[in-house]
């Protein structure tokens, strides 16, 4: 079985139609990238779990963070959270990480994950 981990804000800013949602609502942009991750899961098959990691929980304390598939790190810790989650999950699953961040990609590859670009992630869905 597989796990998909998406570097949330990295993906939002790389997909123009989702990035444009930021002008009106950060929450809508987060929901849109999470829906894309779930669609990737549906289309690819064999993905048991999906996580979209967002940076900055302490900046958004007034929001609900009990949403399925969304993980919020402390401010400035998003990359570390993607890497930590990848390291945790590679013991039991084949992990796919969607991110264009070099540090995230290199660290996740070192943990045994497959890293795909945001472009490849998005093109698979469309």
Protein backbone atom coordinates (compact mmCIF):
# COMPACT_ATOMS: atom_id res chain seq x y z
CA UNK A 1 0.00 0.00 0.00
CA UNK A 2 0.98 3.61 -0.56
CA UNK A 3 0.76 6.95 1.20
CA UNK A 4 0.61 10.32 -0.54
CA UNK A 5 2.07 13.35 1.23
CA UNK A 6 1.63 16.75 -0.41
CA UNK A 7 3.68 19.80 0.55
CA UNK A 8 0.56 21.98 0.82
CA UNK A 9 1.64 25.59 0.35
CA UNK A 10 4.36 24.56 -2.08
CA UNK A 11 1.66 22.96 -4.22
CA UNK A 12 -0.81 25.82 -3.83
CA UNK A 13 1.71 28.35 -5.13
CA UNK A 14 2.72 26.14 -8.10
CA UNK A 15 -0.83 25.55 -9.41
CA UNK A 16 -2.15 28.85 -10.82
CA UNK A 17 -5.86 28.13 -10.46
CA UNK A 18 -5.40 27.31 -6.78
CA UNK A 19 -2.89 30.09 -6.13
CA UNK A 20 -5.49 32.57 -7.42
CA UNK A 21 -7.87 31.42 -4.67
CA UNK A 22 -5.49 32.93 -2.11
CA UNK A 23 -6.73 36.41 -3.05
CA UNK A 24 -10.13 35.56 -1.63
CA UNK A 25 -9.64 32.77 0.88
CA UNK A 26 -6.71 30.85 2.29
CA UNK A 27 -9.18 28.23 3.51
CA UNK A 28 -10.55 27.71 -0.03
CA UNK A 29 -7.03 27.26 -1.39
CA UNK A 30 -6.24 24.67 1.29
CA UNK A 31 -9.49 22.85 0.57
CA UNK A 32 -8.79 22.88 -3.18
CA UNK A 33 -5.32 21.33 -2.85
CA UNK A 34 -6.69 18.74 -0.43
CA UNK A 35 -9.40 17.81 -2.94
CA UNK A 36 -6.75 17.43 -5.63
CA UNK A 37 -4.79 15.10 -3.35
CA UNK A 38 -7.90 12.99 -2.78
CA UNK A 39 -8.52 12.91 -6.54
CA UNK A 40 -4.93 11.75 -7.07
CA UNK A 41 -5.62 8.97 -4.58
CA UNK A 42 -8.81 7.96 -6.38
CA UNK A 43 -7.24 7.92 -9.83
CA UNK A 44 -4.00 6.22 -8.93
CA UNK A 45 -5.37 3.40 -6.81
CA UNK A 46 -3.49 1.67 -4.04
CA UNK A 47 -3.05 4.80 -1.93
CA UNK A 48 -4.30 4.04 1.56
CA UNK A 49 -3.65 7.41 3.19
CA UNK A 50 -3.40 11.03 2.03
CA UNK A 51 -1.83 13.90 3.95
CA UNK A 52 -1.54 17.54 2.93
CA UNK A 53 0.92 19.35 5.19
CA UNK A 54 0.56 23.08 5.82
CA UNK A 55 2.98 25.36 7.64
CA UNK A 56 1.89 27.79 10.33
CA UNK A 57 -0.64 26.38 12.77
CA UNK A 58 0.15 28.99 15.41
CA UNK A 59 -0.74 31.77 12.94
CA UNK A 60 -4.22 30.33 12.38
CA UNK A 61 -5.22 29.44 15.92
CA UNK A 62 -8.82 30.55 15.38
CA UNK A 63 -9.45 27.96 12.65
CA UNK A 64 -10.52 24.35 13.05
CA UNK A 65 -7.66 21.95 12.45
CA UNK A 66 -9.54 18.68 12.76
CA UNK A 67 -10.00 18.31 9.02
CA UNK A 68 -9.32 14.91 7.53
CA UNK A 69 -6.14 14.69 5.49
CA UNK A 70 -4.79 18.08 6.63
CA UNK A 71 -1.82 18.43 8.98
CA UNK A 72 -0.69 21.82 10.29
CA UNK A 73 2.82 22.26 11.60
CA UNK A 74 4.14 25.02 13.79
CA UNK A 75 5.16 28.14 11.90
CA UNK A 76 8.36 27.51 9.97
CA UNK A 77 8.16 23.75 10.51
CA UNK A 78 6.20 22.62 7.43
CA UNK A 79 9.18 21.15 5.60
CA UNK A 80 10.30 19.32 8.71
CA UNK A 81 6.80 17.94 9.19
CA UNK A 82 6.69 16.57 5.62
CA UNK A 83 10.08 14.92 6.22
CA UNK A 84 9.11 13.58 9.66
CA UNK A 85 5.84 12.15 8.37
CA UNK A 86 7.64 10.57 5.43
CA UNK A 87 10.20 8.95 7.72
CA UNK A 88 7.41 7.66 9.96
CA UNK A 89 5.34 6.21 7.11
CA UNK A 90 8.14 4.58 5.09
CA UNK A 91 8.35 1.81 7.71
CA UNK A 92 4.95 0.46 6.62
CA UNK A 93 4.11 2.05 3.26
CA UNK A 94 5.55 3.11 -0.05
CA UNK A 95 5.45 6.90 0.33
CA UNK A 96 4.91 9.33 -2.54
CA UNK A 97 5.77 12.95 -1.76
CA UNK A 98 4.60 15.79 -4.01
CA UNK A 99 6.90 18.79 -3.56
CA UNK A 100 9.20 21.06 -5.55
CA UNK A 101 11.25 21.96 -2.48
CA UNK A 102 14.79 20.60 -2.91
CA UNK A 103 15.44 20.05 0.79
CA UNK A 104 12.14 18.22 1.22
CA UNK A 105 12.71 16.14 -1.90
CA UNK A 106 16.25 15.13 -1.03
CA UNK A 107 15.39 14.27 2.57
CA UNK A 108 12.32 12.26 1.57
CA UNK A 109 14.26 10.36 -1.10
CA UNK A 110 16.89 9.55 1.53
CA UNK A 111 14.09 8.11 3.68
CA UNK A 112 13.04 5.85 0.82
CA UNK A 113 10.12 7.83 -0.64
CA UNK A 114 9.34 8.52 -4.26
CA UNK A 115 9.27 12.27 -4.87
CA UNK A 116 7.23 13.78 -7.69
CA UNK A 117 7.08 17.36 -8.83
CA UNK A 118 3.97 19.45 -8.30
CA UNK A 119 3.66 19.63 -12.08
CA UNK A 120 3.62 15.83 -12.36
CA UNK A 121 1.14 15.60 -9.46
CA UNK A 122 -1.20 18.11 -11.11
CA UNK A 123 -0.84 16.71 -14.63
CA UNK A 124 -1.80 13.25 -13.40
CA UNK A 125 -5.13 14.63 -12.21
CA UNK A 126 -5.87 16.73 -15.28
